[in-house]
Amino acid sequence: MKNNALSVANNTTVSDHSKKREYSPDDLLTEAEAADALTLSVGTLRNWRCLRRGPIFRKVGLRCVRYRRGDLETFQLIVTNTSTAP
């Protein structure tokens, strides 16, 4: 009986982990996650912050920088250039 309960618990755990997480525009991402999402380096994001360029960021505490997923998506739409060449 214990083995059966254990297998049911394990199946539940496996199915819980296999569910895909839905993303929200309000999710806060770390520098590394934001850089990965924009296919940039963390250094580029840091440089842009100093130059007051790039996506909107938030300071959490004294040192933690976070980026809202929705702000990254908006930034990508704004900076996307379409070619005008024939």
C-alpha atoms as a PDB file:
ATOM      1  CA  MET A   1       0.000   0.000   0.000  1.00  0.00           C
ATOM      2  CA  LYS A   2       2.828   2.418   0.757  1.00  0.00           C
ATOM      3  CA  ASN A   3       4.375   1.840  -2.670  1.00  0.00           C
ATOM      4  CA  ASN A   4       1.086   2.698  -4.365  1.00  0.00           C
ATOM      5  CA  ALA A   5       0.744   5.948  -2.397  1.00  0.00           C
ATOM      6  CA  LEU A   6       4.346   6.816  -3.209  1.00  0.00           C
ATOM      7  CA  SER A   7       3.849   6.273  -6.928  1.00  0.00           C
ATOM      8  CA  VAL A   8       0.716   8.415  -6.894  1.00  0.00           C
ATOM      9  CA  ALA A   9       2.628  11.157  -5.073  1.00  0.00           C
ATOM     10  CA  ASN A  10       5.474  10.866  -7.561  1.00  0.00           C
ATOM     11  CA  ASN A  11       3.092  11.037 -10.523  1.00  0.00           C
ATOM     12  CA  THR A  12       1.529  14.161  -9.074  1.00  0.00           C
ATOM     13  CA  THR A  13       4.927  15.755  -8.559  1.00  0.00           C
ATOM     14  CA  VAL A  14       6.038  14.908 -12.092  1.00  0.00           C
ATOM     15  CA  SER A  15       2.858  16.260 -13.636  1.00  0.00           C
ATOM     16  CA  ASP A  16       3.134  19.456 -11.551  1.00  0.00           C
ATOM     17  CA  HIS A  17       6.656  20.074 -12.839  1.00  0.00           C
ATOM     18  CA  SER A  18       5.765  19.272 -16.436  1.00  0.00           C
ATOM     19  CA  LYS A  19       3.153  22.064 -16.608  1.00  0.00           C
ATOM     20  CA  LYS A  20       4.349  25.101 -18.531  1.00  0.00           C
ATOM     21  CA  ARG A  21       4.299  28.351 -16.606  1.00  0.00           C
ATOM     22  CA  GLU A  22       2.248  31.134 -18.120  1.00  0.00           C
ATOM     23  CA  TYR A  23       4.122  34.412 -18.378  1.00  0.00           C
ATOM     24  CA  SER A  24       2.705  37.710 -17.280  1.00  0.00           C
ATOM     25  CA  PRO A  25       3.788  41.157 -18.515  1.00  0.00           C
ATOM     26  CA  ASP A  26       4.174  42.091 -14.837  1.00  0.00           C
ATOM     27  CA  ASP A  27       6.840  39.432 -14.162  1.00  0.00           C
ATOM     28  CA  LEU A  28      10.064  40.979 -12.874  1.00  0.00           C
ATOM     29  CA  LEU A  29      13.234  39.656 -14.496  1.00  0.00           C
ATOM     30  CA  THR A  30      16.816  39.856 -13.290  1.00  0.00           C
ATOM     31  CA  GLU A  31      19.532  41.531 -15.356  1.00  0.00           C
ATOM     32  CA  ALA A  32      20.655  38.160 -16.705  1.00  0.00           C
ATOM     33  CA  GLU A  33      17.100  37.096 -17.621  1.00  0.00           C
ATOM     34  CA  ALA A  34      16.420  40.445 -19.301  1.00  0.00           C
ATOM     35  CA  ALA A  35      19.696  40.303 -21.236  1.00  0.00           C
ATOM     36  CA  ASP A  36      18.859  36.776 -22.365  1.00  0.00           C
ATOM     37  CA  ALA A  37      15.356  37.817 -23.441  1.00  0.00           C
ATOM     38  CA  LEU A  38      16.799  40.681 -25.517  1.00  0.00           C
ATOM     39  CA  THR A  39      19.801  38.630 -26.716  1.00  0.00           C
ATOM     40  CA  LEU A  40      22.179  41.199 -25.255  1.00  0.00           C
ATOM     41  CA  SER A  41      24.932  41.029 -22.700  1.00  0.00           C
ATOM     42  CA  VAL A  42      24.388  42.114 -19.103  1.00  0.00           C
ATOM     43  CA  GLY A  43      27.155  44.664 -19.684  1.00  0.00           C
ATOM     44  CA  THR A  44      25.171  46.280 -22.501  1.00  0.00           C
ATOM     45  CA  LEU A  45      22.128  46.661 -20.239  1.00  0.00           C
ATOM     46  CA  ARG A  46      24.319  48.187 -17.514  1.00  0.00           C
ATOM     47  CA  ASN A  47      25.879  50.588 -20.007  1.00  0.00           C
ATOM     48  CA  TRP A  48      22.468  51.616 -21.318  1.00  0.00           C
ATOM     49  CA  ARG A  49      21.254  52.288 -17.769  1.00  0.00           C
ATOM     50  CA  CYS A  50      24.193  54.647 -17.181  1.00  0.00           C
ATOM     51  CA  LEU A  51      23.465  56.417 -20.469  1.00  0.00           C
ATOM     52  CA  ARG A  52      19.714  56.495 -19.671  1.00  0.00           C
ATOM     53  CA  ARG A  53      18.941  54.400 -22.746  1.00  0.00           C
ATOM     54  CA  GLY A  54      17.359  51.010 -23.158  1.00  0.00           C
ATOM     55  CA  PRO A  55      14.318  49.459 -21.508  1.00  0.00           C
ATOM     56  CA  ILE A  56      12.724  50.825 -18.351  1.00  0.00           C
ATOM     57  CA  PHE A  57      14.189  49.262 -15.212  1.00  0.00           C
ATOM     58  CA  ARG A  58      13.376  49.232 -11.521  1.00  0.00           C
ATOM     59  CA  LYS A  59      15.698  49.321  -8.556  1.00  0.00           C
ATOM     60  CA  VAL A  60      14.681  46.931  -5.794  1.00  0.00           C
ATOM     61  CA  GLY A  61      16.598  47.886  -2.699  1.00  0.00           C
ATOM     62  CA  LEU A  62      20.016  49.450  -3.138  1.00  0.00           C
ATOM     63  CA  ARG A  63      21.546  47.130  -5.716  1.00  0.00           C
ATOM     64  CA  CYS A  64      18.955  44.837  -7.271  1.00  0.00           C
ATOM     65  CA  VAL A  65      17.841  45.854 -10.749  1.00  0.00           C
ATOM     66  CA  ARG A  66      14.740  44.295 -12.262  1.00  0.00           C
ATOM     67  CA  TYR A  67      13.035  44.589 -15.634  1.00  0.00           C
ATOM     68  CA  ARG A  68       9.306  44.110 -16.170  1.00  0.00           C
ATOM     69  CA  ARG A  69       8.627  41.593 -18.947  1.00  0.00           C
ATOM     70  CA  GLY A  70       6.046  43.911 -20.535  1.00  0.00           C
ATOM     71  CA  ASP A  71       8.577  46.773 -20.641  1.00  0.00           C
ATOM     72  CA  LEU A  72      11.075  44.534 -22.445  1.00  0.00           C
ATOM     73  CA  GLU A  73       8.442  43.573 -25.016  1.00  0.00           C
ATOM     74  CA  THR A  74       7.525  47.236 -25.544  1.00  0.00           C
ATOM     75  CA  PHE A  75      11.202  48.145 -25.913  1.00  0.00           C
ATOM     76  CA  GLN A  76      11.666  45.443 -28.529  1.00  0.00           C
ATOM     77  CA  LEU A  77       8.718  46.780 -30.525  1.00  0.00           C
ATOM     78  CA  ILE A  78      10.024  50.355 -30.382  1.00  0.00           C
ATOM     79  CA  VAL A  79      13.570  49.556 -31.497  1.00  0.00           C
ATOM     80  CA  THR A  80      12.624  47.081 -34.193  1.00  0.00           C
ATOM     81  CA  ASN A  81      13.570  48.658 -37.495  1.00  0.00           C
ATOM     82  CA  THR A  82      12.184  47.576 -40.819  1.00  0.00           C
ATOM     83  CA  SER A  83      14.328  47.838 -43.896  1.00  0.00           C
ATOM     84  CA  THR A  84      13.338  50.447 -46.465  1.00  0.00           C
ATOM     85  CA  ALA A  85      15.745  49.087 -49.044  1.00  0.00           C
ATOM     86  CA  PRO A  86      14.170  47.654 -52.212  1.00  0.00           C
END
